[in-house]
Amino acid sequence: TSEVSSDNLPSQQRIEKTNETMSSLNAAELFDVKDKVVIVTGGGRGIGKMIADGFVQNGAKVYIASRKLEACQAAAKELNDKGPGICIALKVDLTSEDECKAFADEIIKRESRLDVLVNNSGDGADTPVENTPASVWRETFALNVTSAYLLTRFLLPLLDAAATSSDAARVINVGSVGGLVPQKLNTMVYDSSKAALHHLTRILAAKLAHRPNGGHILVNAITPGYVPSRLTEGVAYVTGKRFEEIGQAIPVGRMGEASDMAGLAIFLASKASAWISGQVITTDGGMVGAAETGVGPSKLYLRPNMSALNLNNLFDVKGKVIVITGGGRGIGKMMADGFVQNGAKVYIASRSLDACEATAKELNAKGPGKCIPLQANLLSEAGCKELAEQIAKKESKVDVLINNSGVSWGGDFDHHPESAWNKVLTVNVTSPFHLTKFLLPLLDAASTTSDAARVINVGSVAGLRPQQIDTIAYDTSKAAIHHMTRVLAAKLARRPNGGHILVNAIAPGLVPSKMSKGISVVTGLGMEDLAMGIPIQRFGLDSDMAGLAIFLSSKASGWITGMVIASDGGQVYTMETGVGPSKL
């Protein structure tokens, strides 16, 4: 295969239009939500209020609504005092279809568009299996599931008005870890409703991916763990345990905070997540990703909510020390560019020192951060150790390690020799393990109780579902690094020094690179055909890769670990779903 360049792309005008690279990867632009019109149901308290607070502090116009108008009015007054955005309180009973319709009609009277709908309202009852009446099922599903569908449907005209080909409208559903793994509590109805909401998220992501006006609506879900709220107070009451006792299984050792909820919601509402749809993203301090793994007991502690939920605080990476393997081109270069433009010190390393030096020169010309090229041979444990030793001579800490280097092998089923398997698995799986191991002292030096160190592994959508092309070894290796991500998240959650190391993976779809050019050659499809087979109908951009990497390196993701997040234009969850013909 050869590197993708502007000289060998067919239908050049179309490709340039759909894959325009953002010249600025500044966090203030990547995560900007100023003047967006946002609705947060259940926004008067708990998680909904935290999310609304984040949007208001960053200049959005936010409607919060629930059955309890007084709670919403009190929250709106509090948030308006902070500003600079606006918070407006409305009343709605979301268990009634008529009221959902009336609420949507009221918003339509007030606004010409809706940028973000956050379906957050939810409730649950403590009822044993032997004694749960049908009425509990009906009421819980009406509020937790049906209302999310109805509001999305009734507000579709305003979402369409906000949806463009360059900036999609968003629907964010708030689920729960209870919908991912069975709970010991008698909350089976609530948990079942949240599992339904998670799958509804994927269905809506498929149905709304591209709209008749040419725009897009992205649909994702947030699945929180234990966050101080009325529901978790109920858990404490039912179990007879204090909050700190409930948190024994939380590896990161604390409950969720406003920054965790607001940070993820703002990310999912911004340009930084413009290629993410159909994802269910867990923010739970590692409860799901590191449950029952021997991480050890943790006394959960409550920290005061961050008063500052502005972008400068949530997504700040200035001064961080970053190591990116394979940073000389492709996805690694995109990420390095984002970090440098936001003031980080970035080491990029690969076998091709010339490529890294050329990239470093280009990125240093942009600044204000610094990019330093290094040569590394990641085909051996010794090569990984040598790279770690080079870094250790230069730095006293590493805040973020991005294991991005990867190789592939294409061939028929019976043309995958042992040598190909060995090379692919060594570079794509074994070397990230060794490099993480050798850099552990520097990661520990950066990890604290207030700001964890991070490891980000770059996987692939090819590791999430079978592909039609014959890249068996590559696809298998990416599935392996996805699961290794979860294993490391458990092993590194709490460190001997009291700090934390968060480990997550990014699974990109088709991004202009040497590998995607290879897919074009193997399939015989032009690059435009490949792009049109993606629901969002474009390749990944610099902003997609850099935005997700910066998010996973910032305080905004401080309660996320063990996650594999696909940034793929909806490819994984909308293929073969009736969205339209796909040649992928």
Protein backbone atom coordinates (compact mmCIF):
# COMPACT_ATOMS: atom_id res chain seq x y z
CA THR A 1 0.00 0.00 0.00
CA SER A 2 0.99 3.63 -0.37
CA GLU A 3 0.20 6.82 1.50
CA VAL A 4 -3.03 8.60 0.53
CA SER A 5 -2.28 11.94 -1.12
CA SER A 6 -4.28 14.58 -2.94
CA ASP A 7 -2.74 13.39 -6.21
CA ASN A 8 -4.27 9.92 -6.24
CA LEU A 9 -7.81 10.51 -4.97
CA PRO A 10 -10.68 10.15 -7.47
CA SER A 11 -13.59 12.59 -7.56
CA GLN A 12 -11.30 15.13 -5.99
CA GLN A 13 -13.83 17.91 -5.59
CA ARG A 14 -16.22 15.70 -3.63
CA ILE A 15 -13.47 14.35 -1.37
CA GLU A 16 -12.16 17.83 -0.61
CA LYS A 17 -15.67 18.94 0.28
CA THR A 18 -16.42 16.05 2.63
CA ASN A 19 -12.99 15.68 4.20
CA GLU A 20 -11.84 19.24 4.71
CA THR A 21 -9.21 19.44 7.44
CA MET A 22 -9.75 22.01 10.16
CA SER A 23 -6.84 24.41 10.26
CA SER A 24 -7.43 25.06 13.95
CA LEU A 25 -7.57 22.29 16.55
CA ASN A 26 -7.75 24.74 19.45
CA ALA A 27 -9.86 23.38 22.31
CA ALA A 28 -11.89 26.59 22.42
CA GLU A 29 -13.13 25.77 18.91
CA LEU A 30 -13.23 21.97 19.17
CA PHE A 31 -15.47 22.00 22.25
CA ASP A 32 -17.36 25.26 21.65
CA VAL A 33 -21.07 25.17 22.60
CA LYS A 34 -21.65 28.92 22.89
CA ASP A 35 -25.12 29.99 21.67
CA LYS A 36 -26.26 26.42 21.11
CA VAL A 37 -29.89 25.76 22.01
CA VAL A 38 -30.05 22.83 24.43
CA ILE A 39 -32.86 20.94 26.16
CA VAL A 40 -32.12 18.89 29.28
CA THR A 41 -35.04 16.92 30.69
CA GLY A 42 -34.87 16.32 34.41
CA GLY A 43 -32.52 19.28 34.58
CA GLY A 44 -33.61 20.55 37.97
CA ARG A 45 -31.33 18.31 39.99
CA GLY A 46 -28.76 15.53 39.90
CA ILE A 47 -27.05 14.63 36.65
CA GLY A 48 -29.39 16.79 34.57
CA LYS A 49 -28.52 19.87 36.60
CA MET A 50 -24.79 19.09 36.31
CA ILE A 51 -25.09 18.86 32.53
CA ALA A 52 -27.18 22.04 32.32
CA ASP A 53 -24.64 23.84 34.52
CA GLY A 54 -21.83 22.95 32.12
CA PHE A 55 -23.72 24.22 29.09
CA VAL A 56 -24.76 27.47 30.79
CA GLN A 57 -21.21 28.15 32.00
CA ASN A 58 -20.08 27.84 28.39
CA GLY A 59 -22.62 30.23 26.90
CA ALA A 60 -25.46 27.98 25.74
CA LYS A 61 -29.19 28.64 25.98
CA VAL A 62 -30.57 25.77 28.05
CA TYR A 63 -34.14 24.68 28.68
CA ILE A 64 -34.57 22.43 31.71
CA ALA A 65 -37.87 20.65 32.25
CA SER A 66 -39.52 18.18 34.61
CA ARG A 67 -42.76 17.60 36.48
CA LYS A 68 -41.38 19.63 39.39
CA LEU A 69 -41.40 23.19 38.09
CA GLU A 70 -40.24 24.64 41.41
CA ALA A 71 -37.05 22.54 41.36
CA CYS A 72 -36.36 23.63 37.79
CA GLN A 73 -36.99 27.29 38.61
CA ALA A 74 -34.62 27.13 41.58
CA ALA A 75 -31.94 25.48 39.42
CA ALA A 76 -32.45 28.02 36.63
CA LYS A 77 -32.02 30.90 39.06
CA GLU A 78 -28.80 29.38 40.40
CA LEU A 79 -27.36 28.72 36.94
CA ASN A 80 -28.36 32.12 35.57
CA ASP A 81 -26.45 33.75 38.41
CA LYS A 82 -23.32 32.02 37.07
CA GLY A 83 -23.92 32.67 33.37
CA PRO A 84 -22.85 33.60 30.79
CA GLY A 85 -25.50 31.42 29.15
CA ILE A 86 -29.22 31.38 29.88
CA CYS A 87 -31.29 28.75 31.68
CA ILE A 88 -35.08 28.60 31.25
CA ALA A 89 -37.34 26.41 33.39
CA LEU A 90 -40.42 24.65 31.98
CA LYS A 91 -42.86 22.06 33.30
CA VAL A 92 -43.63 18.76 31.57
CA ASP A 93 -44.94 15.33 32.54
CA LEU A 94 -42.94 13.07 30.26
CA THR A 95 -45.06 10.01 31.04
CA SER A 96 -47.82 11.52 28.88
CA GLU A 97 -47.57 11.57 25.08
CA ASP A 98 -49.87 14.60 24.96
CA GLU A 99 -47.62 16.53 27.35
CA CYS A 100 -44.51 15.54 25.39
CA LYS A 101 -46.19 16.93 22.28
CA ALA A 102 -47.31 20.11 24.07
CA PHE A 103 -43.80 20.64 25.43
CA ALA A 104 -42.29 20.23 21.96
CA ASP A 105 -44.86 22.67 20.55
CA GLU A 106 -43.88 25.22 23.21
CA ILE A 107 -40.21 24.92 22.26
CA ILE A 108 -41.10 25.25 18.58
CA LYS A 109 -42.91 28.52 19.38
CA ARG A 110 -39.81 29.87 21.12
CA GLU A 111 -36.96 28.58 18.93
CA SER A 112 -36.17 28.14 15.25
CA ARG A 113 -33.72 25.30 15.89
CA LEU A 114 -32.58 22.82 18.53
CA ASP A 115 -28.90 21.91 18.60
CA VAL A 116 -28.87 19.40 21.44
CA LEU A 117 -31.57 17.30 23.10
CA VAL A 118 -30.49 15.59 26.33
CA ASN A 119 -33.02 12.93 27.37
CA ASN A 120 -32.04 12.69 31.02
CA SER A 121 -35.29 12.22 32.96
CA GLY A 122 -35.49 8.87 34.68
CA ASP A 123 -36.74 7.12 37.76
CA GLY A 124 -36.83 3.65 39.24
CA ALA A 125 -38.51 1.66 41.97
CA ASP A 126 -37.15 -0.86 44.45
CA THR A 127 -39.33 -3.90 43.86
CA PRO A 128 -38.47 -7.60 44.30
CA VAL A 129 -38.93 -10.10 41.47
CA GLU A 130 -41.77 -11.78 43.35
CA ASN A 131 -43.80 -8.60 43.77
CA THR A 132 -43.42 -6.19 40.84
CA PRO A 133 -46.78 -5.11 39.41
CA ALA A 134 -47.27 -4.38 35.72
CA SER A 135 -47.94 -0.73 36.57
CA VAL A 136 -44.31 -0.29 37.69
CA TRP A 137 -43.07 -1.61 34.35
CA ARG A 138 -45.43 0.67 32.41
CA GLU A 139 -44.60 3.82 34.41
CA THR A 140 -40.83 3.22 34.41
CA PHE A 141 -40.62 2.50 30.69
CA ALA A 142 -42.92 5.44 29.89
CA LEU A 143 -40.53 7.86 31.59
CA ASN A 144 -37.16 6.23 30.92
CA VAL A 145 -37.63 4.97 27.35
CA THR A 146 -40.81 6.04 25.59
CA SER A 147 -40.44 9.72 26.45
CA ALA A 148 -36.96 9.77 24.91
CA TYR A 149 -38.41 8.47 21.66
CA LEU A 150 -41.44 10.78 21.73
CA LEU A 151 -39.47 13.95 22.48
CA THR A 152 -36.95 13.14 19.77
CA ARG A 153 -39.78 12.55 17.30
CA PHE A 154 -41.75 15.67 18.18
CA LEU A 155 -38.62 17.86 18.18
CA LEU A 156 -37.29 16.46 14.91
CA PRO A 157 -38.21 19.60 12.89
CA LEU A 158 -36.04 21.75 15.19
CA LEU A 159 -33.22 19.20 15.21
CA ASP A 160 -33.35 19.11 11.40
CA ALA A 161 -33.18 22.90 11.34
CA ALA A 162 -29.93 22.73 13.33
CA ALA A 163 -28.50 19.80 11.38
CA THR A 164 -26.11 20.68 8.58
CA SER A 165 -23.48 18.77 6.65
CA SER A 166 -20.77 20.61 8.60
CA ASP A 167 -22.24 20.55 12.13
CA ALA A 168 -24.76 17.90 13.13
CA ALA A 169 -27.57 18.21 15.65
CA ARG A 170 -27.24 15.91 18.66
CA VAL A 171 -29.42 13.67 20.79
CA ILE A 172 -27.83 12.48 24.03
CA ASN A 173 -29.65 9.83 26.06
CA VAL A 174 -28.68 9.31 29.69
CA GLY A 175 -28.61 5.61 30.50
CA SER A 176 -27.00 3.81 33.41
CA VAL A 177 -24.43 1.14 34.24
CA GLY A 178 -27.47 -0.74 35.53
CA GLY A 179 -28.39 -1.29 31.90
CA LEU A 180 -24.99 -2.82 31.15
CA VAL A 181 -24.40 -5.30 33.98
CA PRO A 182 -26.80 -6.97 36.45
CA GLN A 183 -27.13 -5.26 39.82
CA LYS A 184 -27.59 -6.87 43.23
CA LEU A 185 -30.39 -4.42 44.04
CA ASN A 186 -34.08 -4.94 43.28
CA THR A 187 -33.95 -2.48 40.39
CA MET A 188 -34.58 -4.90 37.53
CA VAL A 189 -37.29 -2.71 35.99
CA TYR A 190 -35.08 0.39 36.02
CA ASP A 191 -32.09 -1.59 34.76
CA SER A 192 -34.15 -3.15 31.96
CA SER A 193 -35.42 0.27 30.91
CA LYS A 194 -31.87 1.61 30.70
CA ALA A 195 -30.76 -1.35 28.58
CA ALA A 196 -33.67 -0.55 26.28
CA LEU A 197 -32.62 3.11 26.13
CA HIS A 198 -29.07 2.10 25.20
CA HIS A 199 -30.31 0.07 22.25
CA LEU A 200 -32.83 2.74 21.28
CA THR A 201 -29.80 5.03 21.04
CA ARG A 202 -28.22 2.77 18.41
CA ILE A 203 -31.48 2.44 16.50
CA LEU A 204 -32.01 6.21 16.40
CA ALA A 205 -28.37 6.70 15.39
CA ALA A 206 -29.10 4.55 12.35
CA LYS A 207 -32.45 6.11 11.51
CA LEU A 208 -31.34 9.75 11.89
CA ALA A 209 -27.79 9.55 10.52
CA HIS A 210 -28.50 11.52 7.38
CA ARG A 211 -31.54 13.67 6.95
CA PRO A 212 -33.53 14.74 3.88
CA ASN A 213 -31.98 18.23 4.06
CA GLY A 214 -28.48 16.78 3.73
CA GLY A 215 -27.70 17.29 7.41
CA HIS A 216 -26.97 14.77 10.14
CA ILE A 217 -28.28 14.01 13.62
CA LEU A 218 -25.85 12.17 15.89
CA VAL A 219 -27.30 10.04 18.69
CA ASN A 220 -25.22 8.78 21.61
CA ALA A 221 -25.76 7.70 25.20
CA ILE A 222 -24.02 8.47 28.48
CA THR A 223 -24.09 5.65 31.03
CA PRO A 224 -23.17 7.06 34.45
CA GLY A 225 -22.16 5.08 37.48
CA TYR A 226 -22.81 6.32 41.01
CA VAL A 227 -23.28 10.09 41.04
CA PRO A 228 -24.68 11.98 44.06
CA SER A 229 -28.40 12.17 43.29
CA ARG A 230 -31.81 11.16 44.56
CA LEU A 231 -31.42 7.74 42.94
CA THR A 232 -28.10 6.99 44.65
CA GLU A 233 -29.54 8.22 47.94
CA GLY A 234 -32.17 5.55 47.37
CA VAL A 235 -29.47 2.94 46.83
CA ALA A 236 -27.86 3.95 50.12
CA TYR A 237 -31.21 3.67 51.89
CA VAL A 238 -32.07 0.27 50.37
CA THR A 239 -28.66 -1.27 51.10
CA GLY A 240 -28.26 0.35 54.50
CA LYS A 241 -24.81 1.54 53.47
CA ARG A 242 -23.25 4.95 53.44
CA PHE A 243 -22.02 6.51 50.20
CA GLU A 244 -18.42 5.65 51.06
CA GLU A 245 -19.36 1.98 51.53
CA ILE A 246 -21.27 1.85 48.26
CA GLY A 247 -18.10 2.93 46.50
CA GLN A 248 -16.01 -0.09 47.47
CA ALA A 249 -16.12 -1.42 43.89
CA ILE A 250 -15.25 1.86 42.16
CA PRO A 251 -11.61 1.60 41.05
CA VAL A 252 -11.06 5.34 40.69
CA GLY A 253 -12.17 5.70 44.29
CA ARG A 254 -14.81 8.42 44.09
CA MET A 255 -18.33 9.20 42.99
CA GLY A 256 -19.04 11.07 39.80
CA GLU A 257 -18.75 14.85 39.78
CA ALA A 258 -20.24 17.69 37.79
CA SER A 259 -17.11 17.84 35.64
CA ASP A 260 -17.53 14.17 34.68
CA MET A 261 -21.13 14.57 33.57
CA ALA A 262 -20.83 18.04 32.01
CA GLY A 263 -17.51 17.25 30.36
CA LEU A 264 -18.83 14.20 28.52
CA ALA A 265 -22.07 15.95 27.53
CA ILE A 266 -20.22 18.99 26.17
CA PHE A 267 -17.84 16.71 24.25
CA LEU A 268 -20.80 14.88 22.68
CA ALA A 269 -22.42 18.21 21.77
CA SER A 270 -19.34 19.72 20.13
CA LYS A 271 -17.39 19.48 16.88
CA ALA A 272 -14.88 17.27 18.67
CA SER A 273 -17.39 14.39 18.51
CA ALA A 274 -18.73 15.10 15.03
CA TRP A 275 -17.87 11.59 13.78
CA ILE A 276 -19.29 9.69 16.77
CA SER A 277 -22.79 8.22 16.65
CA GLY A 278 -24.47 5.14 18.09
CA GLN A 279 -22.02 4.97 20.99
CA VAL A 280 -22.91 4.12 24.59
CA ILE A 281 -20.13 5.73 26.62
CA THR A 282 -19.71 4.70 30.24
CA THR A 283 -18.47 7.20 32.82
CA ASP A 284 -18.34 5.26 36.06
CA GLY A 285 -14.85 5.35 37.51
CA GLY A 286 -14.17 1.90 36.04
CA MET A 287 -17.05 0.03 37.72
CA VAL A 288 -17.97 -1.84 34.54
CA GLY A 289 -14.55 -2.04 32.89
CA ALA A 290 -12.77 -3.14 36.07
CA ALA A 291 -15.49 -4.89 38.07
CA GLU A 292 -14.50 -7.98 40.09
CA THR A 293 -10.93 -7.86 38.85
CA GLY A 294 -9.09 -7.79 42.13
CA VAL A 295 -8.43 -4.06 41.97
CA GLY A 296 -9.13 -4.06 45.70
CA PRO A 297 -11.50 -2.22 48.04
CA SER A 298 -11.85 1.50 47.66
CA LYS A 299 -13.30 3.95 50.13
CA LEU A 300 -15.31 6.19 47.91
CA TYR A 301 -14.89 9.80 48.81
CA LEU A 302 -16.91 12.85 47.91
CA ARG A 303 -15.03 15.77 46.46
CA PRO A 304 -16.66 19.15 46.08
CA ASN A 305 -18.16 19.80 42.68
CA MET A 306 -15.96 21.90 40.45
CA SER A 307 -17.35 25.40 40.40
CA ALA A 308 -15.65 26.04 37.07
CA LEU A 309 -17.06 23.94 34.24
CA ASN A 310 -15.70 26.19 31.50
CA LEU A 311 -13.81 24.78 28.53
CA ASN A 312 -10.45 26.09 29.75
CA ASN A 313 -10.79 23.97 32.87
CA LEU A 314 -12.53 20.88 31.48
CA PHE A 315 -10.37 20.34 28.39
CA ASP A 316 -7.05 21.89 29.37
CA VAL A 317 -3.95 19.92 28.24
CA LYS A 318 -1.46 22.80 28.35
CA GLY A 319 1.89 21.73 29.78
CA LYS A 320 1.08 18.01 29.67
CA VAL A 321 3.78 15.62 28.45
CA ILE A 322 2.46 13.34 25.71
CA VAL A 323 4.05 10.36 23.96
CA ILE A 324 2.53 9.24 20.63
CA THR A 325 3.90 6.25 18.76
CA GLY A 326 3.46 6.39 15.00
CA GLY A 327 3.03 10.14 15.32
CA GLY A 328 4.73 11.06 12.06
CA ARG A 329 1.69 10.64 9.86
CA GLY A 330 -1.97 9.63 9.71
CA ILE A 331 -4.01 9.44 12.90
CA GLY A 332 -0.96 9.85 15.14
CA LYS A 333 -0.03 13.09 13.42
CA MET A 334 -3.62 14.36 13.73
CA MET A 335 -3.56 13.77 17.47
CA ALA A 336 -0.10 15.28 17.89
CA ASP A 337 -1.28 18.36 15.99
CA GLY A 338 -4.20 18.81 18.38
CA PHE A 339 -2.05 18.52 21.49
CA VAL A 340 0.63 20.90 20.17
CA GLN A 341 -1.99 23.49 19.19
CA ASN A 342 -3.24 23.34 22.78
CA GLY A 343 0.13 23.84 24.46
CA ALA A 344 1.29 20.31 25.23
CA LYS A 345 4.80 18.90 24.90
CA VAL A 346 4.53 15.99 22.48
CA TYR A 347 7.03 13.26 21.68
CA ILE A 348 6.32 11.44 18.40
CA ALA A 349 8.17 8.23 17.63
CA SER A 350 8.39 5.71 14.81
CA ARG A 351 10.92 3.76 12.76
CA SER A 352 10.88 6.53 10.16
CA LEU A 353 12.77 9.34 11.88
CA ASP A 354 12.63 11.47 8.72
CA ALA A 355 8.81 11.43 8.77
CA CYS A 356 8.74 12.34 12.47
CA GLU A 357 11.23 15.16 11.97
CA ALA A 358 9.21 16.61 9.09
CA THR A 359 6.02 16.43 11.17
CA ALA A 360 7.70 17.98 14.21
CA LYS A 361 8.93 20.88 12.09
CA GLU A 362 5.42 21.44 10.71
CA LEU A 363 3.72 21.28 14.12
CA ASN A 364 6.32 23.43 15.88
CA ALA A 365 5.67 26.14 13.30
CA LYS A 366 2.06 26.23 14.55
CA GLY A 367 2.76 26.01 18.28
CA PRO A 368 2.24 27.05 21.01
CA GLY A 369 3.23 23.60 22.28
CA LYS A 370 6.32 21.67 21.31
CA CYS A 371 6.82 18.53 19.20
CA ILE A 372 9.95 16.39 19.55
CA PRO A 373 10.74 13.54 17.11
CA LEU A 374 12.31 10.27 18.24
CA GLN A 375 13.25 7.09 16.42
CA ALA A 376 11.88 3.82 17.77
CA ASN A 377 11.69 0.21 16.65
CA LEU A 378 8.60 -1.25 18.30
CA LEU A 379 9.09 -4.70 16.78
CA SER A 380 10.89 -5.88 19.90
CA GLU A 381 10.69 -5.59 23.67
CA ALA A 382 14.20 -4.15 23.63
CA GLY A 383 13.09 -1.44 21.20
CA CYS A 384 10.20 -0.50 23.49
CA LYS A 385 12.53 -0.34 26.48
CA GLU A 386 14.99 1.83 24.56
CA LEU A 387 12.23 4.32 23.68
CA ALA A 388 11.09 4.45 27.32
CA GLU A 389 14.67 5.09 28.42
CA GLN A 390 14.99 7.94 25.91
CA ILE A 391 11.87 9.55 27.38
CA ALA A 392 13.04 8.97 30.97
CA LYS A 393 16.27 10.85 30.26
CA LYS A 394 14.28 13.87 29.10
CA GLU A 395 11.21 13.91 31.37
CA SER A 396 10.30 13.34 35.01
CA LYS A 397 6.72 12.35 34.12
CA VAL A 398 4.45 11.28 31.24
CA ASP A 399 0.86 12.48 31.47
CA VAL A 400 -0.46 10.67 28.40
CA LEU A 401 0.82 7.67 26.44
CA ILE A 402 -0.89 7.06 23.10
CA ASN A 403 -0.12 3.64 21.64
CA ASN A 404 -0.95 4.45 18.02
CA SER A 405 1.61 2.56 15.92
CA GLY A 406 0.06 -0.19 13.82
CA VAL A 407 0.74 -2.41 10.83
CA SER A 408 -1.56 -4.54 8.69
CA TRP A 409 -1.41 -7.53 6.38
CA GLY A 410 -3.79 -8.10 3.49
CA GLY A 411 -4.21 -11.43 1.79
CA ASP A 412 -6.62 -14.26 1.06
CA PHE A 413 -7.63 -16.51 3.93
CA ASP A 414 -4.94 -19.04 3.02
CA HIS A 415 -2.24 -16.40 2.54
CA HIS A 416 -1.62 -15.29 6.12
CA PRO A 417 1.79 -16.78 6.99
CA GLU A 418 3.06 -17.08 10.55
CA SER A 419 5.54 -14.27 9.93
CA ALA A 420 2.67 -11.91 9.07
CA TRP A 421 0.76 -12.84 12.21
CA ASN A 422 3.86 -12.38 14.36
CA LYS A 423 4.63 -8.92 12.99
CA VAL A 424 1.04 -7.66 13.20
CA LEU A 425 0.47 -8.94 16.73
CA THR A 426 3.85 -7.70 17.94
CA VAL A 427 3.40 -4.11 16.73
CA ASN A 428 -0.34 -3.82 17.37
CA VAL A 429 -0.66 -5.61 20.72
CA THR A 430 2.59 -6.68 22.36
CA SER A 431 4.51 -3.43 21.91
CA PRO A 432 1.74 -1.28 23.51
CA PHE A 433 1.91 -3.57 26.53
CA HIS A 434 5.69 -3.37 26.79
CA LEU A 435 5.80 0.40 26.27
CA THR A 436 3.12 0.93 28.93
CA LYS A 437 5.08 -1.32 31.28
CA PHE A 438 8.38 0.46 30.73
CA LEU A 439 6.82 3.93 31.04
CA LEU A 440 4.89 3.04 34.20
CA PRO A 441 7.28 4.93 36.54
CA LEU A 442 6.75 8.14 34.54
CA LEU A 443 2.99 7.58 34.34
CA ASP A 444 2.92 7.03 38.11
CA ALA A 445 4.84 10.27 38.57
CA ALA A 446 2.07 12.10 36.69
CA SER A 447 -0.86 10.33 38.37
CA THR A 448 -2.52 11.99 41.34
CA THR A 449 -5.83 11.67 43.14
CA SER A 450 -7.06 14.83 41.42
CA ASP A 451 -5.76 14.24 37.88
CA ALA A 452 -4.99 10.77 36.58
CA ALA A 453 -2.35 9.81 34.05
CA ARG A 454 -3.75 8.34 30.83
CA VAL A 455 -3.01 5.52 28.41
CA ILE A 456 -4.89 5.68 25.11
CA ASN A 457 -4.68 2.69 22.78
CA VAL A 458 -5.65 3.18 19.14
CA GLY A 459 -7.70 0.22 17.96
CA SER A 460 -10.03 0.04 14.97
CA VAL A 461 -13.65 -0.61 14.03
CA ALA A 462 -12.19 -3.70 12.36
CA GLY A 463 -11.74 -5.07 15.87
CA LEU A 464 -15.41 -4.50 16.71
CA ARG A 465 -17.13 -6.38 13.90
CA PRO A 466 -16.05 -8.65 11.00
CA GLN A 467 -14.94 -6.92 7.81
CA GLN A 468 -15.43 -7.98 4.21
CA ILE A 469 -11.79 -7.45 3.30
CA ASP A 470 -9.13 -10.05 4.11
CA THR A 471 -7.20 -8.39 6.93
CA ILE A 472 -7.74 -11.20 9.42
CA ALA A 473 -4.55 -10.76 11.44
CA TYR A 474 -5.02 -6.97 11.69
CA ASP A 475 -8.68 -7.25 12.72
CA THR A 476 -7.85 -9.88 15.32
CA SER A 477 -5.03 -7.76 16.73
CA LYS A 478 -7.33 -4.78 17.14
CA ALA A 479 -9.89 -6.86 19.03
CA ALA A 480 -7.00 -7.96 21.24
CA ILE A 481 -5.89 -4.42 22.03
CA HIS A 482 -9.48 -3.44 22.81
CA HIS A 483 -9.67 -6.13 25.46
CA MET A 484 -6.14 -5.45 26.68
CA THR A 485 -7.38 -1.90 27.25
CA ARG A 486 -10.00 -3.21 29.67
CA VAL A 487 -7.48 -5.48 31.40
CA LEU A 488 -5.01 -2.62 31.88
CA ALA A 489 -7.81 -0.33 33.06
CA ALA A 490 -8.43 -2.79 35.89
CA LYS A 491 -4.77 -3.38 36.70
CA LEU A 492 -3.72 0.29 36.70
CA ALA A 493 -6.81 1.95 38.17
CA ARG A 494 -5.27 2.61 41.56
CA ARG A 495 -1.57 2.98 42.01
CA PRO A 496 0.60 2.50 45.12
CA ASN A 497 1.14 6.27 45.35
CA GLY A 498 -2.61 6.86 45.67
CA GLY A 499 -2.92 8.11 42.11
CA HIS A 500 -4.80 6.66 39.17
CA ILE A 501 -4.03 5.69 35.58
CA LEU A 502 -7.02 5.66 33.23
CA VAL A 503 -6.82 3.40 30.18
CA ASN A 504 -9.16 3.77 27.20
CA ALA A 505 -9.15 2.93 23.50
CA ILE A 506 -10.14 4.83 20.38
CA ALA A 507 -11.52 2.70 17.55
CA PRO A 508 -11.36 4.84 14.39
CA GLY A 509 -13.22 4.16 11.19
CA LEU A 510 -11.91 5.16 7.78
CA VAL A 511 -9.49 8.07 8.08
CA PRO A 512 -7.34 9.20 5.10
CA SER A 513 -4.14 7.23 5.66
CA LYS A 514 -1.85 4.62 4.23
CA MET A 515 -4.20 1.89 5.48
CA SER A 516 -7.40 3.36 4.04
CA LYS A 517 -5.69 3.72 0.68
CA GLY A 518 -4.87 0.03 0.94
CA ILE A 519 -8.56 -0.75 1.52
CA SER A 520 -9.41 1.19 -1.65
CA VAL A 521 -6.91 -0.88 -3.62
CA VAL A 522 -8.04 -4.23 -2.14
CA THR A 523 -11.77 -3.60 -2.61
CA GLY A 524 -11.50 -1.89 -5.97
CA LEU A 525 -13.68 0.92 -4.64
CA GLY A 526 -12.76 4.55 -5.13
CA MET A 527 -12.16 6.74 -2.10
CA GLU A 528 -15.44 8.55 -2.77
CA ASP A 529 -17.33 5.25 -2.80
CA LEU A 530 -15.77 4.37 0.55
CA ALA A 531 -16.76 7.74 2.02
CA MET A 532 -20.34 7.47 0.78
CA GLY A 533 -20.66 4.09 2.48
CA ILE A 534 -20.28 5.80 5.87
CA PRO A 535 -23.57 7.05 7.40
CA ILE A 536 -22.12 10.54 8.00
CA GLN A 537 -20.80 10.31 4.41
CA ARG A 538 -17.25 11.46 4.99
CA PHE A 539 -13.90 10.21 6.22
CA GLY A 540 -12.58 11.09 9.64
CA LEU A 541 -11.04 14.53 10.06
CA ASP A 542 -8.17 15.86 12.14
CA SER A 543 -10.76 17.34 14.51
CA ASP A 544 -12.40 13.93 15.05
CA MET A 545 -9.18 12.21 16.06
CA ALA A 546 -7.62 15.13 17.97
CA GLY A 547 -10.90 16.03 19.69
CA LEU A 548 -11.44 12.55 21.11
CA ALA A 549 -7.80 12.21 22.16
CA ILE A 550 -7.84 15.59 23.94
CA PHE A 551 -11.12 14.71 25.66
CA LEU A 552 -9.68 11.41 26.93
CA SER A 553 -6.60 13.27 28.22
CA SER A 554 -8.47 16.00 30.09
CA LYS A 555 -10.38 16.46 33.34
CA ALA A 556 -13.60 16.08 31.37
CA SER A 557 -12.95 12.33 31.12
CA GLY A 558 -11.61 11.92 34.66
CA TRP A 559 -14.16 9.20 35.52
CA ILE A 560 -13.86 7.18 32.30
CA THR A 561 -11.67 4.08 32.11
CA GLY A 562 -11.88 0.73 30.32
CA MET A 563 -13.89 2.19 27.43
CA VAL A 564 -13.49 1.47 23.72
CA ILE A 565 -14.99 4.44 21.87
CA ALA A 566 -15.64 4.16 18.14
CA SER A 567 -15.16 7.33 16.12
CA ASP A 568 -16.35 6.14 12.75
CA GLY A 569 -19.21 8.25 11.43
CA GLY A 570 -21.69 5.69 12.74
CA GLN A 571 -20.22 2.86 10.68
CA VAL A 572 -20.30 0.13 13.32
CA TYR A 573 -23.87 0.56 14.49
CA THR A 574 -25.59 1.55 11.24
CA MET A 575 -24.22 -0.87 8.66
CA GLU A 576 -26.91 -3.20 7.29
CA THR A 577 -29.64 -1.40 9.22
CA GLY A 578 -31.62 0.09 6.38
CA VAL A 579 -30.00 3.52 6.51
CA GLY A 580 -29.31 3.13 2.83
CA PRO A 581 -27.03 1.30 0.44
CA SER A 582 -23.53 0.75 1.71
CA LYS A 583 -20.65 -0.43 -0.41
CA LEU A 584 -18.35 -0.85 2.57
